[in-house]
């Protein structure tokens, strides 16, 4: 059975010069995508959320969204894609009902994410609190996520890590 890392590794090995994604005038080849997804997955893994924890994504289609789609399951988490056309109340319900612990969103949804972080109720928090992460872990997380431009990360309930640009 092929895995997410195996799929990307195979694509990078067989098509090292092929363009994997194009977005806003930027092109990334398969080896670049593999490195970025692996780095993103490593950063998510450092959150130590617990096996099969839910990570929501609220983003427009982009190369970054593509990478997040692969990074979340690579890190061992379940992806909860949110509908970009839903109102705050609908995405709030999806986040609460799914028990999502982390929300990834791009800057197009900053206002909605700000509202969501104040409204979402966590039904069954699982795993360590992000507040208990060591400063070394948080620095490493920031460094790894810094390779993923325009993602904002909120823990639910609510620790803002950083506005990430590269």
Protein backbone atom coordinates (compact mmCIF):
# COMPACT_ATOMS: atom_id res chain seq x y z
CA UNK A 1 0.00 0.00 0.00
CA UNK A 2 1.31 3.43 -0.89
CA UNK A 3 1.49 6.12 1.78
CA UNK A 4 1.37 9.92 1.55
CA UNK A 5 5.15 10.21 2.02
CA UNK A 6 5.67 7.33 -0.41
CA UNK A 7 3.49 8.98 -3.04
CA UNK A 8 5.40 12.26 -2.85
CA UNK A 9 8.79 10.53 -2.67
CA UNK A 10 7.93 8.50 -5.77
CA UNK A 11 6.81 11.61 -7.65
CA UNK A 12 10.01 13.46 -6.68
CA UNK A 13 12.18 10.49 -7.68
CA UNK A 14 10.46 9.83 -11.03
CA UNK A 15 9.81 13.46 -11.99
CA UNK A 16 12.52 15.61 -10.39
CA UNK A 17 12.30 18.30 -13.07
CA UNK A 18 8.51 18.25 -13.48
CA UNK A 19 6.42 21.10 -12.14
CA UNK A 20 4.16 19.85 -9.34
CA UNK A 21 2.27 23.08 -8.63
CA UNK A 22 1.80 26.49 -10.21
CA UNK A 23 0.18 29.35 -8.37
CA UNK A 24 0.39 33.14 -8.67
CA UNK A 25 3.41 32.96 -10.95
CA UNK A 26 5.28 30.58 -8.66
CA UNK A 27 6.21 27.07 -9.77
CA UNK A 28 7.39 24.26 -7.53
CA UNK A 29 8.93 21.02 -8.69
CA UNK A 30 8.21 17.68 -7.03
CA UNK A 31 11.40 17.61 -4.89
CA UNK A 32 10.55 21.10 -3.56
CA UNK A 33 6.99 20.04 -2.77
CA UNK A 34 8.28 16.92 -1.03
CA UNK A 35 10.66 18.99 1.14
CA UNK A 36 7.99 21.57 1.99
CA UNK A 37 5.36 18.95 2.86
CA UNK A 38 7.86 17.00 4.98
CA UNK A 39 8.83 20.20 6.83
CA UNK A 40 5.18 21.17 7.32
CA UNK A 41 4.33 17.65 8.57
CA UNK A 42 7.30 17.78 10.96
CA UNK A 43 6.09 21.09 12.36
CA UNK A 44 2.59 19.72 12.84
CA UNK A 45 4.01 16.61 14.49
CA UNK A 46 5.81 18.81 17.02
CA UNK A 47 2.39 19.96 18.25
CA UNK A 48 2.08 16.52 19.89
CA UNK A 49 -1.69 16.56 19.63
CA UNK A 50 -2.25 12.84 19.90
CA UNK A 51 -2.88 10.13 17.37
CA UNK A 52 -5.54 10.88 14.71
CA UNK A 53 -6.30 14.32 16.14
CA UNK A 54 -8.26 16.66 13.86
CA UNK A 55 -6.66 19.62 12.05
CA UNK A 56 -8.99 21.92 10.11
CA UNK A 57 -8.03 23.89 7.02
CA UNK A 58 -9.81 27.05 5.88
CA UNK A 59 -8.12 28.21 2.71
CA UNK A 60 -8.58 29.13 -0.90
CA UNK A 61 -7.14 26.76 -3.48
CA UNK A 62 -3.40 27.37 -3.73
CA UNK A 63 -0.07 25.59 -3.71
CA UNK A 64 0.02 26.05 0.07
CA UNK A 65 -3.38 24.39 0.42
CA UNK A 66 -2.14 21.51 -1.74
CA UNK A 67 0.84 21.06 0.59
CA UNK A 68 -1.34 21.20 3.70
CA UNK A 69 -3.60 18.49 2.28
CA UNK A 70 -0.57 16.18 2.22
CA UNK A 71 1.14 17.42 5.40
CA UNK A 72 -1.77 16.87 7.79
CA UNK A 73 -2.15 13.10 7.17
CA UNK A 74 1.65 12.70 6.86
CA UNK A 75 1.88 13.99 10.44
CA UNK A 76 -0.71 11.39 11.47
CA UNK A 77 -3.67 13.74 11.88
CA UNK A 78 -7.11 13.78 10.29
CA UNK A 79 -7.83 16.68 7.97
CA UNK A 80 -11.09 18.61 8.36
CA UNK A 81 -11.45 20.77 5.24
CA UNK A 82 -13.80 23.67 5.95
CA UNK A 83 -16.09 25.13 3.31
CA UNK A 84 -14.87 28.56 2.25
CA UNK A 85 -18.45 29.58 1.40
CA UNK A 86 -19.84 28.82 4.84
CA UNK A 87 -20.63 31.51 7.36
CA UNK A 88 -18.83 31.64 10.69
CA UNK A 89 -21.70 29.80 12.42
CA UNK A 90 -21.50 26.88 9.98
CA UNK A 91 -17.71 26.53 10.26
CA UNK A 92 -18.06 26.90 14.03
CA UNK A 93 -20.43 23.93 14.04
CA UNK A 94 -18.03 21.87 11.88
CA UNK A 95 -15.08 22.65 14.16
CA UNK A 96 -16.99 21.96 17.35
CA UNK A 97 -18.68 18.80 16.07
CA UNK A 98 -15.44 17.34 14.71
CA UNK A 99 -13.48 18.11 17.88
CA UNK A 100 -10.84 19.96 15.88
CA UNK A 101 -7.83 21.07 17.92
CA UNK A 102 -5.94 23.16 15.33
CA UNK A 103 -7.13 25.50 12.59
CA UNK A 104 -4.86 26.31 9.67
CA UNK A 105 -6.03 29.19 7.52
CA UNK A 106 -4.67 31.52 4.91
CA UNK A 107 -4.78 35.29 5.13
CA UNK A 108 -8.00 35.46 3.07
CA UNK A 109 -9.82 34.08 6.13
CA UNK A 110 -8.13 36.05 8.91
CA UNK A 111 -11.34 37.79 9.97
CA UNK A 112 -13.37 34.57 10.06
CA UNK A 113 -10.61 32.74 11.91
CA UNK A 114 -10.48 35.54 14.49
CA UNK A 115 -14.22 35.12 15.07
CA UNK A 116 -13.93 31.34 15.20
CA UNK A 117 -11.14 31.36 17.78
CA UNK A 118 -13.45 33.26 20.13
CA UNK A 119 -16.53 31.11 19.51
CA UNK A 120 -15.46 27.49 19.06
CA UNK A 121 -16.09 25.17 21.97
CA UNK A 122 -13.86 22.15 22.39
CA UNK A 123 -16.00 19.21 23.44
CA UNK A 124 -13.29 16.72 24.34
CA UNK A 125 -9.79 18.17 24.50
CA UNK A 126 -7.25 15.40 24.01
CA UNK A 127 -3.48 15.50 24.44
CA UNK A 128 -1.22 18.08 26.02
CA UNK A 129 -2.24 21.71 26.13
CA UNK A 130 -0.32 23.86 23.66
CA UNK A 131 0.30 26.22 26.56
CA UNK A 132 2.55 23.53 28.04
CA UNK A 133 4.88 23.32 25.05
CA UNK A 134 8.46 24.15 25.93
CA UNK A 135 9.99 27.31 24.50
CA UNK A 136 12.43 25.11 22.57
CA UNK A 137 9.52 23.23 20.95
CA UNK A 138 7.74 26.47 20.08
CA UNK A 139 10.93 27.92 18.52
CA UNK A 140 11.41 24.76 16.47
CA UNK A 141 7.76 24.84 15.42
CA UNK A 142 8.07 28.48 14.32
CA UNK A 143 11.25 27.71 12.38
CA UNK A 144 9.67 24.76 10.57
CA UNK A 145 6.39 26.52 9.86
CA UNK A 146 8.28 29.56 8.58
CA UNK A 147 8.84 27.58 5.37
CA UNK A 148 5.06 27.57 4.83
CA UNK A 149 4.08 31.07 3.74
CA UNK A 150 0.80 32.76 4.57
CA UNK A 151 -0.48 30.17 7.04
CA UNK A 152 -1.86 31.25 10.34
CA UNK A 153 -2.19 28.66 13.04
CA UNK A 154 -4.60 28.81 15.94
CA UNK A 155 -5.03 26.22 18.59
CA UNK A 156 -8.60 25.81 19.63
CA UNK A 157 -9.08 27.13 22.21
CA UNK A 158 -6.83 29.78 21.19
CA UNK A 159 -3.14 30.13 21.22
CA UNK A 160 -1.95 32.16 18.28
CA UNK A 161 1.45 30.92 17.20
CA UNK A 162 2.45 33.22 14.41
CA UNK A 163 1.69 34.85 11.12
CA UNK A 164 3.93 32.86 8.83
CA UNK A 165 5.60 34.23 5.73
CA UNK A 166 8.54 33.08 3.71
